[in-house]
């Protein structure tokens, strides 16, 4: 449908006023372009207007951003749960490995202490591992992984890096049983390091430690004194730590004192122990000495010259050699030797 003259745009009207208005608009546009090109006025206006329009853009984008956030939250929940579970498992595994490394480091430290003990004392020892424990009220025993096939014998002392643990009481083909010093049936001769007092330490009846009974009232025993093996009895070599005095109290009879001892060895924590092969000297009188004499090369040869025999007899006889019987006696073998 064609436009009528009245419906036409006033800007493009055919009269002079419309043409003048168009020229003004074009001139204004050219001036604005020149000013914007030289001074950047329009850019400054857009920059200032963006501060006002930006909140409107954010508000318009808010529904779509919220829907996107909700979709991510609901869609990735399962993935995040699985990742969290894997991370938790990795953390538990890392903690288990760390605990294992700590246990291995502690075991290595214990083995180093055992090795240092062997080197410092120059002992003939054998390393054994504890494979069984029986720490009850009536007996205190350990089971080692070495037996008769490894050269273990009953009565061998057992020590760790800190002191005496006990002795072997039973030997099986591949294992052996050790009676600890805290066993009620165990006794060990000891000496107080400070005063030199000799005594015998027994295992407590309840298996909680060791006791030193029947201490004379005048004996110098104090809390904190260290006890060492005395070497008496020929079973434990002297000088090994046995325990430390905790308390000293008057006995039930009132005539002696009793000391409670703390074992020096780590009886409930040691996993590796040392078996001593260097036994102490057995108790009892020494063996008779072998009769000594001159070397065989210097012994007199039988049937030597008769001239030397009277001189030797005269030198040994002394004043009695003046008698005719004494003088004739050494000559008799010579005469007997000359007869057929």
Protein backbone atom coordinates (compact mmCIF):
# COMPACT_ATOMS: atom_id res chain seq x y z
CA UNK A 1 0.00 0.00 0.00
CA UNK A 2 1.57 3.27 -0.99
CA UNK A 3 2.11 5.91 1.55
CA UNK A 4 0.27 9.12 1.23
CA UNK A 5 1.97 12.45 1.44
CA UNK A 6 0.73 13.03 4.98
CA UNK A 7 2.10 9.69 6.21
CA UNK A 8 5.62 10.34 4.97
CA UNK A 9 8.51 10.86 7.41
CA UNK A 10 9.14 14.46 8.37
CA UNK A 11 12.87 13.89 8.06
CA UNK A 12 12.63 13.08 4.41
CA UNK A 13 9.88 15.46 3.63
CA UNK A 14 10.11 17.15 0.35
CA UNK A 15 9.95 20.60 1.77
CA UNK A 16 12.93 22.82 2.69
CA UNK A 17 12.52 22.34 6.44
CA UNK A 18 13.10 18.59 6.18
CA UNK A 19 16.19 19.05 4.03
CA UNK A 20 17.65 21.54 6.45
CA UNK A 21 16.99 19.23 9.35
CA UNK A 22 18.81 16.43 7.58
CA UNK A 23 21.81 18.65 6.91
CA UNK A 24 21.94 19.63 10.58
CA UNK A 25 21.85 16.04 11.67
CA UNK A 26 24.61 15.09 9.29
CA UNK A 27 26.76 17.97 10.43
CA UNK A 28 26.20 17.06 14.06
CA UNK A 29 27.18 13.46 13.34
CA UNK A 30 30.35 14.57 11.59
CA UNK A 31 31.27 16.87 14.49
CA UNK A 32 30.70 14.07 16.99
CA UNK A 33 32.85 11.65 14.96
CA UNK A 34 35.66 14.20 14.72
CA UNK A 35 35.51 14.93 18.46
CA UNK A 36 35.40 11.23 19.29
CA UNK A 37 38.34 10.56 17.01
CA UNK A 38 40.43 13.35 18.51
CA UNK A 39 39.43 13.37 22.19
CA UNK A 40 37.64 10.05 22.78
CA UNK A 41 34.57 11.65 24.29
CA UNK A 42 32.21 8.93 23.22
CA UNK A 43 34.52 6.27 24.66
CA UNK A 44 34.43 8.09 27.97
CA UNK A 45 30.69 8.23 27.81
CA UNK A 46 30.47 4.50 27.06
CA UNK A 47 32.90 3.77 29.92
CA UNK A 48 30.77 5.85 32.35
CA UNK A 49 27.55 4.30 31.03
CA UNK A 50 28.94 0.75 31.43
CA UNK A 51 29.15 1.26 35.19
CA UNK A 52 25.41 1.89 35.16
CA UNK A 53 24.51 -0.81 32.62
CA UNK A 54 26.71 -3.63 34.08
CA UNK A 55 24.39 -4.35 37.06
CA UNK A 56 21.55 -4.66 34.57
CA UNK A 57 23.56 -7.25 32.61
CA UNK A 58 24.35 -9.18 35.80
CA UNK A 59 20.73 -9.13 36.83
CA UNK A 60 19.69 -10.37 33.42
CA UNK A 61 22.32 -13.14 33.54
CA UNK A 62 21.40 -14.21 37.06
CA UNK A 63 18.72 -16.79 36.12
CA UNK A 64 20.98 -18.55 33.61
CA UNK A 65 23.93 -18.56 36.07
CA UNK A 66 21.70 -19.98 38.80
CA UNK A 67 20.42 -22.74 36.51
CA UNK A 68 24.00 -23.56 35.51
CA UNK A 69 25.09 -23.73 39.14
CA UNK A 70 22.20 -26.00 40.05
CA UNK A 71 22.87 -28.29 37.13
CA UNK A 72 26.55 -28.58 38.08
CA UNK A 73 25.66 -29.21 41.71
CA UNK A 74 23.20 -31.99 40.89
CA UNK A 75 25.13 -33.48 37.96
CA UNK A 76 28.59 -33.63 39.64
CA UNK A 77 27.46 -34.74 43.09
CA UNK A 78 28.09 -38.39 42.32
CA UNK A 79 31.49 -37.63 40.82
CA UNK A 80 32.48 -35.53 43.83
CA UNK A 81 31.33 -38.29 46.18
CA UNK A 82 33.47 -40.86 44.33
CA UNK A 83 36.46 -38.54 44.34
CA UNK A 84 36.02 -37.90 48.04
CA UNK A 85 35.87 -41.63 48.70
CA UNK A 86 39.05 -42.22 46.69
CA UNK A 87 40.83 -39.41 48.50
CA UNK A 88 39.75 -40.82 51.85
CA UNK A 89 41.07 -44.26 50.90
CA UNK A 90 44.36 -42.76 49.72
CA UNK A 91 44.66 -40.86 52.99
CA UNK A 92 44.08 -44.02 55.02
CA UNK A 93 46.62 -45.90 52.92
CA UNK A 94 49.15 -43.10 53.33
CA UNK A 95 48.62 -43.09 57.10
CA UNK A 96 49.04 -46.87 57.20
CA UNK A 97 52.28 -46.63 55.24
CA UNK A 98 53.49 -43.84 57.48
CA UNK A 99 52.77 -45.91 60.59
CA UNK A 100 54.54 -48.86 58.99
CA UNK A 101 57.55 -46.70 58.20
CA UNK A 102 57.61 -45.49 61.78
CA UNK A 103 57.52 -49.11 63.01
CA UNK A 104 60.32 -50.07 60.60
CA UNK A 105 62.38 -47.08 61.72
CA UNK A 106 61.90 -48.08 65.35
CA UNK A 107 62.84 -51.67 64.55
CA UNK A 108 65.96 -50.50 62.73
CA UNK A 109 66.89 -48.37 65.72
CA UNK A 110 66.47 -51.37 68.01
CA UNK A 111 68.62 -53.54 65.74
CA UNK A 112 71.24 -50.80 65.67
CA UNK A 113 71.32 -50.74 69.47
CA UNK A 114 71.73 -54.53 69.54
CA UNK A 115 74.56 -54.30 67.02
CA UNK A 116 76.24 -51.54 69.00
CA UNK A 117 76.00 -53.69 72.13
CA UNK A 118 77.64 -56.60 70.34
CA UNK A 119 80.45 -54.46 68.98
CA UNK A 120 81.12 -52.59 72.20
CA UNK A 121 81.36 -55.75 74.30
CA UNK A 122 82.93 -57.95 71.60
CA UNK A 123 80.53 -60.81 72.33
CA UNK A 124 79.82 -64.02 70.45
CA UNK A 125 76.08 -63.61 70.10
CA UNK A 126 73.26 -64.85 67.93
CA UNK A 127 70.32 -62.70 66.85
CA UNK A 128 66.86 -64.18 67.43
CA UNK A 129 63.30 -62.92 66.93
CA UNK A 130 60.46 -63.22 69.42
CA UNK A 131 57.62 -65.27 67.87
CA UNK A 132 55.56 -65.96 71.00
CA UNK A 133 54.79 -64.31 74.33
CA UNK A 134 53.36 -65.76 77.54
CA UNK A 135 53.29 -62.99 80.15
CA UNK A 136 50.95 -64.34 82.77
CA UNK A 137 50.79 -64.09 86.54
CA UNK A 138 52.42 -67.50 87.09
CA UNK A 139 55.07 -67.55 84.39
CA UNK A 140 56.92 -65.10 82.17
CA UNK A 141 58.11 -66.80 78.99
CA UNK A 142 59.11 -65.91 75.44
CA UNK A 143 59.36 -68.13 72.37
CA UNK A 144 62.25 -67.51 69.95
CA UNK A 145 62.56 -68.55 66.33
CA UNK A 146 65.87 -70.38 66.91
CA UNK A 147 66.22 -73.91 68.25
CA UNK A 148 68.54 -76.89 68.44
CA UNK A 149 69.22 -76.78 64.70
CA UNK A 150 70.66 -73.30 65.17
CA UNK A 151 72.95 -74.28 68.03
CA UNK A 152 70.80 -73.02 70.90
CA UNK A 153 71.38 -74.80 74.22
CA UNK A 154 69.53 -74.74 77.52
CA UNK A 155 70.91 -72.21 79.96
CA UNK A 156 72.05 -69.65 77.39
CA UNK A 157 71.64 -66.07 78.64
CA UNK A 158 69.33 -63.84 76.62
CA UNK A 159 69.89 -60.06 76.53
CA UNK A 160 68.71 -57.04 74.59
CA UNK A 161 70.25 -53.62 74.07
CA UNK A 162 69.42 -52.54 77.64
CA UNK A 163 70.09 -55.53 79.87
CA UNK A 164 69.47 -59.16 80.80
CA UNK A 165 66.14 -60.63 79.71
CA UNK A 166 66.43 -64.19 81.00
CA UNK A 167 67.75 -67.59 80.01
CA UNK A 168 66.81 -70.46 77.72
CA UNK A 169 64.98 -73.20 79.63
CA UNK A 170 63.67 -75.38 76.80
CA UNK A 171 65.08 -76.08 73.34
CA UNK A 172 63.03 -77.53 70.49
CA UNK A 173 64.23 -78.32 66.97
CA UNK A 174 63.29 -74.92 65.50
CA UNK A 175 62.23 -72.85 68.52
CA UNK A 176 63.29 -72.26 72.10
CA UNK A 177 61.59 -71.04 75.28
CA UNK A 178 63.11 -68.27 77.40
CA UNK A 179 62.33 -67.73 81.07
CA UNK A 180 62.36 -64.02 81.81
CA UNK A 181 63.95 -62.49 84.87
CA UNK A 182 60.46 -61.51 86.09
CA UNK A 183 59.32 -65.14 86.21
CA UNK A 184 58.57 -66.21 89.82
CA UNK A 185 60.81 -69.27 89.31
CA UNK A 186 63.80 -67.28 88.11
CA UNK A 187 66.77 -66.12 90.21
CA UNK A 188 69.90 -64.30 89.17
CA UNK A 189 72.98 -63.32 91.22
CA UNK A 190 73.45 -59.56 91.18
CA UNK A 191 75.72 -56.91 92.64
CA UNK A 192 74.84 -53.33 93.54
CA UNK A 193 76.94 -51.13 91.28
CA UNK A 194 77.35 -48.34 93.82
CA UNK A 195 78.13 -50.27 96.99
CA UNK A 196 79.29 -53.66 95.66
CA UNK A 197 76.73 -55.58 97.76
CA UNK A 198 76.06 -59.07 96.41
CA UNK A 199 72.56 -60.51 96.46
CA UNK A 200 70.14 -62.66 94.48
CA UNK A 201 67.23 -61.09 92.59
CA UNK A 202 64.05 -63.09 92.12
CA UNK A 203 61.04 -62.63 89.88
CA UNK A 204 58.00 -61.19 91.62
CA UNK A 205 55.21 -63.63 92.46
CA UNK A 206 52.66 -61.67 90.46
CA UNK A 207 54.97 -61.27 87.47
CA UNK A 208 55.03 -57.49 87.77
CA UNK A 209 58.77 -57.10 88.16
CA UNK A 210 61.64 -58.29 90.38
CA UNK A 211 62.36 -58.30 94.08
CA UNK A 212 65.49 -58.32 96.17
CA UNK A 213 64.50 -60.06 99.42
CA UNK A 214 66.34 -60.57 102.71
CA UNK A 215 68.47 -57.44 102.57
CA UNK A 216 70.27 -56.88 105.89
CA UNK A 217 69.19 -53.80 107.76
CA UNK A 218 72.75 -52.45 107.69
CA UNK A 219 73.18 -53.03 103.95
CA UNK A 220 73.61 -49.92 101.79
CA UNK A 221 70.80 -50.22 99.25
CA UNK A 222 68.92 -47.13 98.11
CA UNK A 223 66.25 -46.35 95.52
CA UNK A 224 67.89 -45.65 92.18
CA UNK A 225 70.76 -48.11 92.64
CA UNK A 226 71.62 -50.11 89.54
CA UNK A 227 72.07 -53.85 89.72
CA UNK A 228 74.52 -55.77 87.54
CA UNK A 229 75.17 -59.46 87.08
CA UNK A 230 77.84 -60.61 89.51
CA UNK A 231 78.96 -63.65 87.50
CA UNK A 232 78.46 -66.01 90.44
CA UNK A 233 76.95 -69.35 89.53
CA UNK A 234 78.63 -69.51 86.15
CA UNK A 235 75.47 -68.83 84.16
CA UNK A 236 75.39 -65.07 83.46
CA UNK A 237 78.61 -63.21 82.59
CA UNK A 238 79.39 -60.35 84.99
CA UNK A 239 78.68 -56.72 84.27
CA UNK A 240 75.34 -56.88 82.44
CA UNK A 241 72.55 -54.55 83.68
CA UNK A 242 69.74 -56.38 85.46
CA UNK A 243 67.52 -53.67 86.94
CA UNK A 244 67.12 -50.61 89.08
CA UNK A 245 65.91 -50.32 92.68
CA UNK A 246 62.54 -48.60 92.89
CA UNK A 247 61.66 -48.85 96.57
CA UNK A 248 63.19 -50.32 99.72
CA UNK A 249 60.83 -51.29 102.53
CA UNK A 250 60.99 -53.26 105.77
CA UNK A 251 60.04 -56.92 105.38
CA UNK A 252 57.18 -58.67 107.15
CA UNK A 253 59.50 -60.20 109.76
CA UNK A 254 61.09 -56.83 110.59
CA UNK A 255 64.59 -58.35 110.45
CA UNK A 256 65.29 -57.76 106.77
CA UNK A 257 64.38 -55.31 104.07
CA UNK A 258 62.90 -55.98 100.65
CA UNK A 259 63.59 -53.97 97.48
CA UNK A 260 61.32 -53.72 94.46
CA UNK A 261 63.24 -53.71 91.18
CA UNK A 262 62.50 -52.51 87.69
CA UNK A 263 64.07 -54.71 84.97
CA UNK A 264 66.59 -52.96 82.77
CA UNK A 265 65.57 -54.85 79.61
CA UNK A 266 62.48 -54.03 77.57
CA UNK A 267 60.73 -57.29 78.37
CA UNK A 268 57.35 -56.33 76.92
CA UNK A 269 58.59 -54.38 73.88
CA UNK A 270 61.66 -56.16 72.50
CA UNK A 271 61.10 -57.98 69.22
CA UNK A 272 64.74 -58.98 68.63
CA UNK A 273 67.08 -60.40 71.28
CA UNK A 274 70.64 -61.70 71.53
CA UNK A 275 71.65 -65.18 72.64
CA UNK A 276 75.04 -65.23 74.36
CA UNK A 277 77.43 -68.01 73.43
CA UNK A 278 80.24 -66.84 75.72
CA UNK A 279 79.45 -68.60 78.99
CA UNK A 280 81.01 -67.63 82.29
CA UNK A 281 83.50 -69.87 83.98
CA UNK A 282 81.81 -72.79 85.77
CA UNK A 283 81.60 -72.64 89.54
CA UNK A 284 83.75 -74.98 91.63
CA UNK A 285 87.44 -75.66 92.33
CA UNK A 286 89.82 -75.25 89.40
CA UNK A 287 91.10 -78.29 87.57
CA UNK A 288 94.45 -79.76 88.80
CA UNK A 289 97.46 -78.25 87.13
CA UNK A 290 99.50 -80.35 84.71
CA UNK A 291 102.83 -81.29 86.37
CA UNK A 292 105.66 -79.23 84.94
CA UNK A 293 109.21 -80.40 84.35
CA UNK A 294 112.30 -79.76 82.25
CA UNK A 295 111.94 -79.96 78.48
CA UNK A 296 112.52 -83.35 76.93
CA UNK A 297 115.60 -82.04 75.13
CA UNK A 298 117.27 -81.23 78.48
CA UNK A 299 116.41 -84.51 80.24
CA UNK A 300 119.43 -86.75 81.19
CA UNK A 301 120.08 -89.61 78.81
CA UNK A 302 119.92 -93.09 80.49
CA UNK A 303 123.31 -94.89 80.69
CA UNK A 304 125.39 -91.72 80.78
CA UNK A 305 129.09 -91.79 81.84
CA UNK A 306 129.62 -93.07 85.39
CA UNK A 307 131.96 -90.27 86.20
CA UNK A 308 129.15 -87.76 86.40
CA UNK A 309 126.96 -89.89 88.66
CA UNK A 310 129.19 -89.76 91.79
CA UNK A 311 129.57 -86.00 91.38
CA UNK A 312 125.81 -85.50 91.13
CA UNK A 313 125.28 -87.78 94.12
CA UNK A 314 127.90 -85.96 96.13
CA UNK A 315 126.37 -82.57 95.31
CA UNK A 316 122.93 -83.69 96.42
CA UNK A 317 123.96 -85.69 99.44
CA UNK A 318 125.63 -82.77 101.30
CA UNK A 319 127.44 -83.55 104.52
CA UNK A 320 126.22 -87.14 104.63
CA UNK A 321 128.24 -88.00 101.50
CA UNK A 322 131.31 -88.43 103.74
CA UNK A 323 130.09 -91.82 104.99
CA UNK A 324 131.53 -94.90 103.20
CA UNK A 325 127.97 -96.26 102.60
CA UNK A 326 126.81 -93.06 100.96
CA UNK A 327 129.93 -92.89 98.83
CA UNK A 328 129.57 -96.48 97.71
CA UNK A 329 125.86 -96.25 96.90
CA UNK A 330 126.13 -94.21 93.62
CA UNK A 331 128.83 -96.54 92.39
CA UNK A 332 126.57 -99.58 92.64
CA UNK A 333 124.52 -98.82 89.47
CA UNK A 334 127.65 -98.28 87.53
CA UNK A 335 129.06 -101.56 88.75
CA UNK A 336 125.77 -103.28 88.06
CA UNK A 337 125.77 -101.81 84.63
CA UNK A 338 129.28 -103.19 83.93
CA UNK A 339 128.34 -106.74 84.78
CA UNK A 340 127.02 -108.87 81.97
